[in-house]
Amino acid sequence: MRYGSRLGVNFGNIFFGVTITPIPIYEIDKKLTFGVALNATFNNQKKIYKSTILGGRLIGLYNILEEVQLSAEFEKLNVNIKYSQRKLLVICTIF
């Protein structure tokens, strides 16, 4: 059993965001591993919007060779956004 995680913090003058993702991975054998990850994200752009994103994903990894790895993931997210009456500034994040 191996453990990993993802921690992200974004901030600016009127924006704050945090993401926490714990990832336990179970090693079936030397070539095949599976894991389940949970995801929690909170974003707040002052006087414009707030969002909460909760979800999880399944992860599969297979080592063809020691240097080559195939991976597959399935992710399901629940997104809750609350807008204020002001203009919306769009912010995109790519992982």
N, C-alpha and C. Protein backbone atom coordinates (compact mmCIF):
# COMPACT_ATOMS: atom_id res chain seq x y z
N MET A 1 0.85 -1.17 0.00
CA MET A 1 0.00 0.00 0.00
C MET A 1 0.89 1.24 0.00
N ARG A 2 0.58 2.16 -0.92
CA ARG A 2 1.29 3.43 -0.99
C ARG A 2 0.28 4.56 -0.84
N TYR A 3 0.75 5.68 -0.34
CA TYR A 3 -0.12 6.84 -0.18
C TYR A 3 0.49 8.04 -0.89
N GLY A 4 -0.35 8.82 -1.51
CA GLY A 4 0.06 10.06 -2.14
C GLY A 4 -1.02 11.09 -1.91
N SER A 5 -0.78 12.29 -2.36
CA SER A 5 -1.79 13.33 -2.21
C SER A 5 -1.49 14.47 -3.16
N ARG A 6 -2.48 15.32 -3.32
CA ARG A 6 -2.34 16.54 -4.10
C ARG A 6 -2.87 17.67 -3.23
N LEU A 7 -2.08 18.71 -3.09
CA LEU A 7 -2.49 19.89 -2.34
C LEU A 7 -2.22 21.10 -3.21
N GLY A 8 -3.25 21.89 -3.47
CA GLY A 8 -3.10 23.08 -4.29
C GLY A 8 -3.69 24.29 -3.61
N VAL A 9 -2.98 25.41 -3.65
CA VAL A 9 -3.47 26.66 -3.10
C VAL A 9 -3.27 27.74 -4.15
N ASN A 10 -4.33 28.48 -4.46
CA ASN A 10 -4.28 29.59 -5.41
C ASN A 10 -4.81 30.83 -4.70
N PHE A 11 -4.13 31.95 -4.88
CA PHE A 11 -4.63 33.17 -4.26
C PHE A 11 -4.17 34.39 -5.04
N GLY A 12 -4.91 35.46 -4.87
CA GLY A 12 -4.62 36.73 -5.49
C GLY A 12 -5.32 37.83 -4.71
N ASN A 13 -5.46 39.02 -5.32
CA ASN A 13 -6.09 40.14 -4.62
C ASN A 13 -7.53 39.83 -4.21
N ILE A 14 -8.30 39.21 -5.12
CA ILE A 14 -9.71 38.94 -4.80
C ILE A 14 -10.07 37.47 -4.96
N PHE A 15 -9.08 36.58 -5.11
CA PHE A 15 -9.35 35.16 -5.36
C PHE A 15 -8.60 34.29 -4.36
N PHE A 16 -9.29 33.22 -3.90
CA PHE A 16 -8.66 32.21 -3.07
C PHE A 16 -9.21 30.85 -3.46
N GLY A 17 -8.34 29.87 -3.58
CA GLY A 17 -8.77 28.51 -3.89
C GLY A 17 -7.86 27.50 -3.22
N VAL A 18 -8.43 26.39 -2.77
CA VAL A 18 -7.65 25.32 -2.17
C VAL A 18 -8.21 23.98 -2.62
N THR A 19 -7.31 23.02 -2.91
CA THR A 19 -7.69 21.67 -3.31
C THR A 19 -6.91 20.68 -2.47
N ILE A 20 -7.62 19.66 -1.96
CA ILE A 20 -6.99 18.59 -1.19
C ILE A 20 -7.46 17.27 -1.78
N THR A 21 -6.51 16.40 -2.11
CA THR A 21 -6.84 15.10 -2.71
C THR A 21 -5.94 14.01 -2.12
N PRO A 22 -6.43 13.23 -1.16
CA PRO A 22 -5.65 12.07 -0.69
C PRO A 22 -5.80 10.91 -1.68
N ILE A 23 -4.69 10.17 -1.91
CA ILE A 23 -4.71 9.09 -2.90
C ILE A 23 -4.02 7.84 -2.34
N PRO A 24 -4.77 6.89 -1.77
CA PRO A 24 -4.16 5.61 -1.40
C PRO A 24 -4.12 4.69 -2.63
N ILE A 25 -2.99 4.02 -2.84
CA ILE A 25 -2.83 3.12 -3.99
C ILE A 25 -2.41 1.74 -3.49
N TYR A 26 -3.16 0.73 -3.94
CA TYR A 26 -2.89 -0.65 -3.55
C TYR A 26 -2.14 -1.37 -4.67
N GLU A 27 -1.00 -1.96 -4.34
CA GLU A 27 -0.16 -2.65 -5.32
C GLU A 27 -0.59 -4.12 -5.38
N ILE A 28 -1.20 -4.52 -6.52
CA ILE A 28 -1.62 -5.91 -6.72
C ILE A 28 -0.38 -6.79 -6.90
N ASP A 29 0.49 -6.39 -7.80
CA ASP A 29 1.79 -7.03 -8.00
C ASP A 29 2.76 -5.96 -8.51
N LYS A 30 3.93 -6.36 -9.00
CA LYS A 30 4.93 -5.37 -9.41
C LYS A 30 4.52 -4.56 -10.64
N LYS A 31 3.54 -5.06 -11.39
CA LYS A 31 3.12 -4.36 -12.61
C LYS A 31 1.77 -3.67 -12.50
N LEU A 32 0.89 -4.09 -11.61
CA LEU A 32 -0.48 -3.62 -11.57
C LEU A 32 -0.83 -2.99 -10.22
N THR A 33 -1.36 -1.75 -10.27
CA THR A 33 -1.81 -1.07 -9.05
C THR A 33 -3.16 -0.40 -9.29
N PHE A 34 -3.95 -0.29 -8.22
CA PHE A 34 -5.25 0.39 -8.26
C PHE A 34 -5.34 1.35 -7.09
N GLY A 35 -6.11 2.42 -7.29
CA GLY A 35 -6.29 3.38 -6.21
C GLY A 35 -7.64 4.06 -6.29
N VAL A 36 -8.02 4.67 -5.18
CA VAL A 36 -9.24 5.45 -5.08
C VAL A 36 -8.85 6.79 -4.48
N ALA A 37 -9.24 7.88 -5.12
CA ALA A 37 -8.90 9.21 -4.62
C ALA A 37 -10.16 10.00 -4.32
N LEU A 38 -10.11 10.80 -3.29
CA LEU A 38 -11.19 11.73 -2.96
C LEU A 38 -10.71 13.13 -3.30
N ASN A 39 -11.63 14.01 -3.70
CA ASN A 39 -11.26 15.36 -4.09
C ASN A 39 -12.17 16.36 -3.38
N ALA A 40 -11.55 17.40 -2.80
CA ALA A 40 -12.31 18.50 -2.20
C ALA A 40 -11.65 19.81 -2.63
N THR A 41 -12.44 20.68 -3.28
CA THR A 41 -11.94 21.97 -3.76
C THR A 41 -12.89 23.07 -3.34
N PHE A 42 -12.33 24.17 -2.87
CA PHE A 42 -13.12 25.35 -2.53
C PHE A 42 -12.50 26.55 -3.23
N ASN A 43 -13.32 27.32 -3.94
CA ASN A 43 -12.88 28.55 -4.62
C ASN A 43 -13.76 29.71 -4.18
N ASN A 44 -13.16 30.88 -4.02
CA ASN A 44 -13.90 32.07 -3.64
C ASN A 44 -13.30 33.27 -4.36
N GLN A 45 -14.10 33.91 -5.21
CA GLN A 45 -13.70 35.15 -5.84
C GLN A 45 -14.56 36.24 -5.22
N LYS A 46 -13.95 37.10 -4.42
CA LYS A 46 -14.63 38.06 -3.57
C LYS A 46 -15.73 38.82 -4.32
N LYS A 47 -16.93 38.78 -3.79
CA LYS A 47 -18.12 39.48 -4.30
C LYS A 47 -18.54 39.04 -5.70
N ILE A 48 -18.00 37.91 -6.18
CA ILE A 48 -18.37 37.44 -7.52
C ILE A 48 -18.95 36.02 -7.47
N TYR A 49 -18.20 35.06 -6.91
CA TYR A 49 -18.74 33.70 -6.81
C TYR A 49 -17.98 32.90 -5.75
N LYS A 50 -18.63 31.80 -5.32
CA LYS A 50 -18.03 30.79 -4.46
C LYS A 50 -18.37 29.43 -5.06
N SER A 51 -17.43 28.51 -5.02
CA SER A 51 -17.73 27.17 -5.51
C SER A 51 -17.13 26.11 -4.59
N THR A 52 -17.84 25.00 -4.52
CA THR A 52 -17.37 23.83 -3.79
C THR A 52 -17.44 22.65 -4.75
N ILE A 53 -16.34 21.92 -4.86
CA ILE A 53 -16.28 20.76 -5.76
C ILE A 53 -15.87 19.56 -4.91
N LEU A 54 -16.73 18.54 -4.89
CA LEU A 54 -16.46 17.31 -4.15
C LEU A 54 -16.59 16.13 -5.09
N GLY A 55 -15.75 15.14 -4.92
CA GLY A 55 -15.86 13.97 -5.78
C GLY A 55 -14.79 12.94 -5.49
N GLY A 56 -14.70 12.01 -6.41
CA GLY A 56 -13.72 10.93 -6.27
C GLY A 56 -13.34 10.38 -7.62
N ARG A 57 -12.32 9.55 -7.60
CA ARG A 57 -11.90 8.92 -8.85
C ARG A 57 -11.27 7.57 -8.59
N LEU A 58 -11.31 6.73 -9.60
CA LEU A 58 -10.67 5.42 -9.60
C LEU A 58 -9.44 5.51 -10.48
N ILE A 59 -8.36 4.91 -10.05
CA ILE A 59 -7.09 4.99 -10.77
C ILE A 59 -6.56 3.58 -11.00
N GLY A 60 -6.11 3.31 -12.20
CA GLY A 60 -5.46 2.05 -12.52
C GLY A 60 -4.13 2.32 -13.21
N LEU A 61 -3.08 1.64 -12.76
CA LEU A 61 -1.74 1.81 -13.35
C LEU A 61 -1.19 0.44 -13.72
N TYR A 62 -0.57 0.37 -14.90
CA TYR A 62 0.04 -0.88 -15.35
C TYR A 62 1.40 -0.57 -15.95
N ASN A 63 2.44 -1.22 -15.42
CA ASN A 63 3.81 -1.04 -15.94
C ASN A 63 4.09 -2.08 -17.01
N ILE A 64 4.14 -1.63 -18.27
CA ILE A 64 4.48 -2.51 -19.39
C ILE A 64 5.94 -2.94 -19.26
N LEU A 65 6.79 -1.95 -19.07
CA LEU A 65 8.21 -2.13 -18.78
C LEU A 65 8.50 -1.29 -17.54
N GLU A 66 9.68 -1.41 -16.99
CA GLU A 66 10.02 -0.62 -15.80
C GLU A 66 9.95 0.88 -16.09
N GLU A 67 10.27 1.27 -17.33
CA GLU A 67 10.30 2.68 -17.72
C GLU A 67 8.99 3.17 -18.35
N VAL A 68 8.04 2.26 -18.66
CA VAL A 68 6.82 2.63 -19.37
C VAL A 68 5.60 2.23 -18.52
N GLN A 69 4.72 3.21 -18.29
CA GLN A 69 3.54 2.96 -17.47
C GLN A 69 2.29 3.45 -18.18
N LEU A 70 1.24 2.63 -18.20
CA LEU A 70 -0.07 3.03 -18.70
C LEU A 70 -0.95 3.36 -17.50
N SER A 71 -1.79 4.38 -17.65
CA SER A 71 -2.69 4.72 -16.56
C SER A 71 -4.08 5.00 -17.11
N ALA A 72 -5.09 4.72 -16.29
CA ALA A 72 -6.48 5.02 -16.65
C ALA A 72 -7.16 5.56 -15.39
N GLU A 73 -8.01 6.58 -15.59
CA GLU A 73 -8.72 7.19 -14.47
C GLU A 73 -10.17 7.46 -14.85
N PHE A 74 -11.05 7.30 -13.88
CA PHE A 74 -12.44 7.69 -14.02
C PHE A 74 -12.75 8.63 -12.86
N GLU A 75 -13.26 9.83 -13.16
CA GLU A 75 -13.51 10.83 -12.13
C GLU A 75 -14.95 11.30 -12.17
N LYS A 76 -15.56 11.43 -11.01
CA LYS A 76 -16.93 11.93 -10.88
C LYS A 76 -16.89 13.09 -9.88
N LEU A 77 -17.39 14.27 -10.30
CA LEU A 77 -17.36 15.46 -9.46
C LEU A 77 -18.75 16.05 -9.30
N ASN A 78 -19.02 16.58 -8.12
CA ASN A 78 -20.24 17.33 -7.84
C ASN A 78 -19.83 18.79 -7.65
N VAL A 79 -20.32 19.68 -8.52
CA VAL A 79 -19.92 21.09 -8.51
C VAL A 79 -21.09 21.95 -8.04
N ASN A 80 -20.85 22.76 -7.02
CA ASN A 80 -21.85 23.68 -6.48
C ASN A 80 -21.29 25.09 -6.60
N ILE A 81 -21.97 25.97 -7.36
CA ILE A 81 -21.49 27.34 -7.58
C ILE A 81 -22.58 28.32 -7.15
N LYS A 82 -22.19 29.33 -6.41
CA LYS A 82 -23.10 30.41 -6.02
C LYS A 82 -22.53 31.72 -6.55
N TYR A 83 -23.31 32.40 -7.41
CA TYR A 83 -22.88 33.67 -8.02
C TYR A 83 -23.47 34.84 -7.25
N SER A 84 -22.73 35.96 -7.23
CA SER A 84 -23.30 37.19 -6.70
C SER A 84 -23.91 37.96 -7.87
N GLN A 85 -24.40 39.16 -7.64
CA GLN A 85 -25.05 39.95 -8.67
C GLN A 85 -24.06 40.71 -9.56
N ARG A 86 -22.79 40.68 -9.24
CA ARG A 86 -21.80 41.42 -10.02
C ARG A 86 -21.35 40.63 -11.25
N LYS A 87 -20.51 41.27 -12.09
CA LYS A 87 -19.97 40.60 -13.27
C LYS A 87 -19.13 39.40 -12.86
N LEU A 88 -19.08 38.41 -13.72
CA LEU A 88 -18.30 37.21 -13.48
C LEU A 88 -16.98 37.29 -14.23
N LEU A 89 -15.88 37.10 -13.52
CA LEU A 89 -14.56 37.01 -14.13
C LEU A 89 -14.23 35.52 -14.24
N VAL A 90 -13.96 35.04 -15.43
CA VAL A 90 -13.75 33.62 -15.66
C VAL A 90 -12.28 33.29 -15.39
N ILE A 91 -12.07 32.27 -14.56
CA ILE A 91 -10.73 31.78 -14.26
C ILE A 91 -10.70 30.31 -14.62
N CYS A 92 -9.73 29.91 -15.41
CA CYS A 92 -9.60 28.52 -15.83
C CYS A 92 -8.35 27.91 -15.19
N THR A 93 -8.47 26.70 -14.68
CA THR A 93 -7.34 25.98 -14.13
C THR A 93 -7.25 24.65 -14.86
N ILE A 94 -6.06 24.30 -15.33
CA ILE A 94 -5.85 23.03 -16.03
C ILE A 94 -4.82 22.24 -15.24
N PHE A 95 -5.16 20.99 -14.90
CA PHE A 95 -4.24 20.12 -14.17
C PHE A 95 -3.62 19.15 -15.13
